[in-house]
Amino acid sequence: MTVRRVVPNVQSSAVRESRDFYGLLGFEEVMNHGWIMTLGSPSNPAAQISFMADDKTAPVTPDLSVEVEDVDAAYEAMRESGAEIVHPLQDEEWGVRRFFVRDPNGRVVNVLGHR
């Protein structure tokens, strides 16, 4: 399994303030869909943090996102292991294929791949 990046998802109602705060540390806005905004490091594009009020297309807000090379293989591995699938594998209108799974600590992980 190849992991491309891991991004913490911070539930926040202070998105603009967070952008300004983390901007002082060198982060820049790389994505903003209104309900989710991602900041990234210009010198290390895989270093990112996302802020969201809630997840527009899923029943829960994930705690972190893991981008993998093959999301279908990751889904099958999790399903076969008996892990709790919180949100089914599906293509999202905003360009990703993803599912949510609960980790052993109770955290919800958004596993995704870009289409």
Protein backbone atom coordinates (compact mmCIF):
# COMPACT_ATOMS: atom_id res chain seq x y z
CA MET A 1 0.00 0.00 0.00
CA THR A 2 1.44 3.38 -1.00
CA VAL A 3 0.55 6.41 1.14
CA ARG A 4 0.86 9.75 -0.65
CA ARG A 5 0.08 12.03 2.30
CA VAL A 6 -1.64 12.24 5.68
CA VAL A 7 -3.64 15.36 6.51
CA PRO A 8 -5.13 16.21 9.92
CA ASN A 9 -8.73 17.48 9.67
CA VAL A 10 -9.52 20.15 12.24
CA GLN A 11 -13.19 20.76 12.90
CA SER A 12 -13.47 24.55 12.99
CA SER A 13 -15.88 27.43 12.68
CA ALA A 14 -12.91 29.85 12.51
CA VAL A 15 -11.59 28.99 9.04
CA ARG A 16 -10.42 32.49 8.07
CA GLU A 17 -8.73 32.98 11.44
CA SER A 18 -7.05 29.57 11.09
CA ARG A 19 -5.78 30.48 7.61
CA ASP A 20 -4.30 33.70 8.99
CA PHE A 21 -2.77 31.97 12.04
CA TYR A 22 -1.16 29.11 10.10
CA GLY A 23 -0.10 31.58 7.42
CA LEU A 24 2.26 33.03 10.02
CA LEU A 25 3.93 29.58 10.04
CA GLY A 26 4.31 29.57 6.26
CA PHE A 27 1.17 27.71 5.17
CA GLU A 28 -0.79 28.88 2.12
CA GLU A 29 -4.33 28.07 1.00
CA VAL A 30 -4.25 25.28 -1.60
CA MET A 31 -7.96 24.34 -1.67
CA ASN A 32 -11.19 25.95 -0.50
CA HIS A 33 -14.64 24.46 -1.16
CA GLY A 34 -16.37 26.63 1.42
CA TRP A 35 -17.03 23.74 3.81
CA ILE A 36 -13.39 22.54 3.74
CA MET A 37 -10.19 24.55 3.34
CA THR A 38 -6.73 23.03 3.05
CA LEU A 39 -3.47 24.82 3.74
CA GLY A 40 -0.15 23.54 2.46
CA SER A 41 3.53 24.28 2.74
CA PRO A 42 4.95 25.78 -0.47
CA SER A 43 8.31 24.08 0.20
CA ASN A 44 6.79 20.67 1.06
CA PRO A 45 3.42 20.19 -0.73
CA ALA A 46 2.63 16.99 1.23
CA ALA A 47 2.67 18.97 4.51
CA GLN A 48 -0.97 20.02 4.80
CA ILE A 49 -3.74 20.71 7.30
CA SER A 50 -7.48 20.94 6.59
CA PHE A 51 -10.19 22.89 8.42
CA MET A 52 -13.87 22.07 8.10
CA ALA A 53 -17.10 22.97 9.83
CA ASP A 54 -18.59 19.64 8.78
CA ASP A 55 -18.27 17.23 5.89
CA LYS A 56 -20.67 18.27 3.13
CA THR A 57 -21.01 14.81 1.58
CA ALA A 58 -20.66 12.42 4.54
CA PRO A 59 -22.50 11.74 7.80
CA VAL A 60 -19.52 12.53 10.08
CA THR A 61 -16.46 14.75 10.05
CA PRO A 62 -13.29 12.64 9.74
CA ASP A 63 -10.39 13.14 12.13
CA LEU A 64 -7.74 12.74 9.45
CA SER A 65 -7.36 11.99 5.77
CA VAL A 66 -4.99 9.47 4.25
CA GLU A 67 -4.42 9.74 0.51
CA VAL A 68 -3.41 6.40 -0.98
CA GLU A 69 -2.35 5.34 -4.44
CA ASP A 70 -5.11 2.71 -4.77
CA VAL A 71 -8.24 3.55 -2.76
CA ASP A 72 -10.11 0.48 -4.02
CA ALA A 73 -7.37 -1.83 -2.71
CA ALA A 74 -7.38 0.03 0.62
CA TYR A 75 -11.15 -0.37 0.85
CA GLU A 76 -10.95 -4.10 0.20
CA ALA A 77 -8.17 -4.51 2.78
CA MET A 78 -10.21 -2.68 5.42
CA ARG A 79 -13.43 -4.50 4.57
CA GLU A 80 -11.71 -7.91 4.66
CA SER A 81 -10.12 -7.08 8.02
CA GLY A 82 -13.55 -6.45 9.52
CA ALA A 83 -12.89 -2.76 10.23
CA GLU A 84 -15.99 -0.61 10.61
CA ILE A 85 -16.74 1.22 7.37
CA VAL A 86 -18.36 4.49 8.47
CA HIS A 87 -19.00 5.92 4.97
CA PRO A 88 -19.09 3.71 1.85
CA LEU A 89 -16.61 3.85 -1.02
CA GLN A 90 -17.84 6.39 -3.56
CA ASP A 91 -16.82 9.02 -6.07
CA GLU A 92 -17.33 12.58 -4.87
CA GLU A 93 -18.34 15.44 -7.18
CA TRP A 94 -15.24 17.38 -6.11
CA GLY A 95 -12.78 14.93 -7.65
CA VAL A 96 -11.93 12.24 -5.13
CA ARG A 97 -12.87 8.60 -4.56
CA ARG A 98 -13.09 7.89 -0.84
CA PHE A 99 -14.48 5.99 2.12
CA PHE A 100 -14.37 6.46 5.89
CA VAL A 101 -13.20 3.76 8.31
CA ARG A 102 -12.98 3.78 12.12
CA ASP A 103 -9.53 3.07 13.56
CA PRO A 104 -8.92 1.04 16.79
CA ASN A 105 -8.94 4.31 18.79
CA GLY A 106 -12.39 5.31 17.55
CA ARG A 107 -11.05 7.95 15.14
CA VAL A 108 -12.68 8.29 11.74
CA VAL A 109 -10.18 8.10 8.86
CA ASN A 110 -11.05 9.48 5.42
CA VAL A 111 -9.19 7.22 2.95
CA LEU A 112 -9.06 8.82 -0.49
CA GLY A 113 -7.52 8.94 -3.90
CA HIS A 114 -7.78 11.69 -6.49
CA ARG A 115 -9.49 10.83 -9.77
